[in-house]
Amino acid sequence: MPVTVTPRPTGHPGYSETLPREPESAALARRLVRIALATWGLEELVDDASVIVTELVSNAADHGRLPSIRVIVSRPSAHCVRIGVVDRSKELPMMRTDSNGEQTRGRGLLIVDSLTEQWGTELYRWGKQVWGEIHVRAAV
C-alpha cells in the first residue's frame, strides 16, 4: 500500500496510510511513524510514538466498523507531532480508570494518556479520529 507523503516539515497530514482493520496493522503503523520521525529528524520520539500508535491501532481494530483504518502522522507545529487513527465507528473511546483486575487488555488509553501531552477524539459524520500529541523537546 502506498504511503502519502507531504514534502513539508509541518502540515496536515504529514504521512498517512490506509491499513486493514486488524491488530497486525500495528507493525505497519509503527513503520510509518518511524519513517515520519526519521524524516523530521525526531528519532528520539520513536519509542513513545510507537507505543501510542500501537494502542490506537489496537483500539480501532477492536471497535471500528469497516475493514480499514487510516493512520496519520502530522506536525501541526514545529514543536508537536500528532499521531491519529481514523476508523468508521462513531463510538467514543473510553479511558478505563479501574484496575481492570488481572486482564491485560483495556488499558490502552491510559498508556496513551501517560505518553502524550494531550489526546482526544475528532468526530466526523461517518466516524472518528483518535489522536495523541507528543511535543518535541528543545535541544539543550
Protein backbone atom coordinates (compact mmCIF):
# COMPACT_ATOMS: atom_id res chain seq x y z
CA MET A 1 0.00 0.00 0.00
CA PRO A 2 1.42 3.41 -0.90
CA VAL A 3 2.30 5.98 1.72
CA THR A 4 1.02 9.51 1.08
CA VAL A 5 3.79 12.00 1.81
CA THR A 6 3.61 15.77 2.09
CA PRO A 7 7.12 17.16 1.50
CA ARG A 8 6.81 19.89 4.16
CA PRO A 9 8.27 19.56 7.67
CA THR A 10 4.91 20.58 9.14
CA GLY A 11 1.34 20.39 7.94
CA HIS A 12 -1.62 18.05 7.85
CA PRO A 13 -1.31 15.25 7.03
CA GLY A 14 2.42 14.70 7.01
CA TYR A 15 2.24 10.96 6.39
CA SER A 16 -0.80 8.73 6.14
CA GLU A 17 -1.60 5.21 5.17
CA THR A 18 -4.76 3.12 4.91
CA LEU A 19 -4.36 -0.25 6.60
CA PRO A 20 -6.53 -3.30 7.25
CA ARG A 21 -8.53 -3.02 10.48
CA GLU A 22 -6.67 -5.78 12.27
CA PRO A 23 -4.19 -5.91 15.16
CA GLU A 24 -1.35 -6.94 12.82
CA SER A 25 -1.55 -3.50 11.17
CA ALA A 26 0.17 -2.05 14.24
CA ALA A 27 3.53 -3.17 12.80
CA LEU A 28 2.91 -1.24 9.58
CA ALA A 29 1.71 1.77 11.59
CA ARG A 30 4.92 1.71 13.65
CA ARG A 31 6.92 1.64 10.42
CA LEU A 32 5.05 4.71 9.16
CA VAL A 33 5.73 6.52 12.44
CA ARG A 34 9.44 5.64 12.30
CA ILE A 35 9.70 6.90 8.70
CA ALA A 36 7.97 10.19 9.52
CA LEU A 37 10.02 10.84 12.64
CA ALA A 38 13.31 9.92 10.93
CA THR A 39 12.48 12.25 8.04
CA TRP A 40 11.82 15.06 10.50
CA GLY A 41 14.99 14.26 12.49
CA LEU A 42 12.96 13.32 15.57
CA GLU A 43 14.23 9.80 16.20
CA GLU A 44 14.19 10.44 19.98
CA LEU A 45 10.38 10.25 19.85
CA VAL A 46 10.21 6.84 18.13
CA ASP A 47 9.79 4.69 21.26
CA ASP A 48 6.87 6.65 22.75
CA ALA A 49 5.28 7.27 19.34
CA SER A 50 5.44 3.55 18.51
CA VAL A 51 3.61 2.63 21.71
CA ILE A 52 0.99 5.34 21.10
CA VAL A 53 0.23 4.23 17.54
CA THR A 54 0.13 0.58 18.61
CA GLU A 55 -2.51 1.32 21.24
CA LEU A 56 -4.58 3.49 18.89
CA VAL A 57 -4.49 0.85 16.12
CA SER A 58 -5.44 -1.84 18.64
CA ASN A 59 -8.47 0.18 19.76
CA ALA A 60 -9.54 0.85 16.17
CA ALA A 61 -9.15 -2.85 15.31
CA ASP A 62 -11.38 -3.76 18.26
CA HIS A 63 -14.04 -1.08 17.83
CA GLY A 64 -14.05 0.03 14.17
CA ARG A 65 -16.80 -0.95 11.76
CA LEU A 66 -15.36 -1.22 8.24
CA PRO A 67 -12.42 -3.33 7.09
CA SER A 68 -9.87 -0.49 7.00
CA ILE A 69 -8.41 2.26 9.19
CA ARG A 70 -6.23 5.25 8.37
CA VAL A 71 -3.08 6.14 10.31
CA ILE A 72 -1.97 9.78 10.15
CA VAL A 73 1.31 11.24 11.42
CA SER A 74 1.49 15.02 11.20
CA ARG A 75 3.24 18.06 12.63
CA PRO A 76 0.67 20.71 13.48
CA SER A 77 3.61 22.87 14.61
CA ALA A 78 7.39 22.66 14.71
CA HIS A 79 7.19 21.51 18.36
CA CYS A 80 4.39 18.97 18.10
CA VAL A 81 3.82 15.58 16.43
CA ARG A 82 0.27 14.26 16.20
CA ILE A 83 -0.44 10.57 15.72
CA GLY A 84 -4.00 9.71 14.77
CA VAL A 85 -6.02 6.68 13.76
CA VAL A 86 -9.25 7.12 11.82
CA ASP A 87 -11.99 4.50 11.81
CA ARG A 88 -15.61 4.39 10.69
CA SER A 89 -17.12 3.90 14.14
CA LYS A 90 -18.76 6.80 15.93
CA GLU A 91 -18.33 5.04 19.28
CA LEU A 92 -16.30 7.31 21.55
CA PRO A 93 -13.22 5.82 23.20
CA MET A 94 -13.45 5.36 26.95
CA MET A 95 -10.38 5.57 29.15
CA ARG A 96 -10.65 2.96 31.88
CA THR A 97 -9.90 4.23 35.34
CA ASP A 98 -10.40 0.95 37.18
CA SER A 99 -7.58 -1.53 37.69
CA ASN A 100 -9.29 -4.00 35.30
CA GLY A 101 -8.29 -6.92 37.54
CA GLU A 102 -5.94 -9.45 36.00
CA GLN A 103 -6.91 -8.60 32.42
CA THR A 104 -4.08 -7.38 30.19
CA ARG A 105 -6.40 -5.58 27.75
CA GLY A 106 -8.38 -2.39 28.23
CA ARG A 107 -5.57 -0.12 29.41
CA GLY A 108 -4.55 1.32 26.03
CA LEU A 109 -5.89 4.82 26.55
CA LEU A 110 -4.28 5.01 29.98
CA ILE A 111 -0.98 4.31 28.25
CA VAL A 112 -1.72 6.89 25.54
CA ASP A 113 -2.64 9.41 28.25
CA SER A 114 0.64 8.82 30.08
CA LEU A 115 2.81 9.22 26.94
CA THR A 116 1.13 12.22 25.30
CA GLU A 117 0.90 15.90 26.12
CA GLN A 118 -2.75 15.62 25.15
CA TRP A 119 -5.04 13.27 23.29
CA GLY A 120 -8.59 13.42 22.04
CA THR A 121 -11.19 12.46 19.51
CA GLU A 122 -12.40 14.31 16.42
CA LEU A 123 -15.88 13.20 15.42
CA TYR A 124 -16.85 13.09 11.78
CA ARG A 125 -20.26 12.47 10.23
CA TRP A 126 -19.08 8.96 9.29
CA GLY A 127 -16.66 8.06 12.09
CA LYS A 128 -13.85 9.50 14.18
CA GLN A 129 -10.15 10.10 14.60
CA VAL A 130 -8.49 9.34 17.93
CA TRP A 131 -5.19 11.18 18.24
CA GLY A 132 -2.35 11.86 20.63
CA GLU A 133 0.23 14.63 20.57
CA ILE A 134 3.80 14.45 21.74
CA HIS A 135 5.98 17.52 21.98
CA VAL A 136 9.46 17.87 20.61
CA ARG A 137 11.89 18.51 23.42
CA ALA A 138 14.06 21.58 22.98
CA ALA A 139 17.72 20.85 22.33
CA VAL A 140 19.92 21.51 25.35
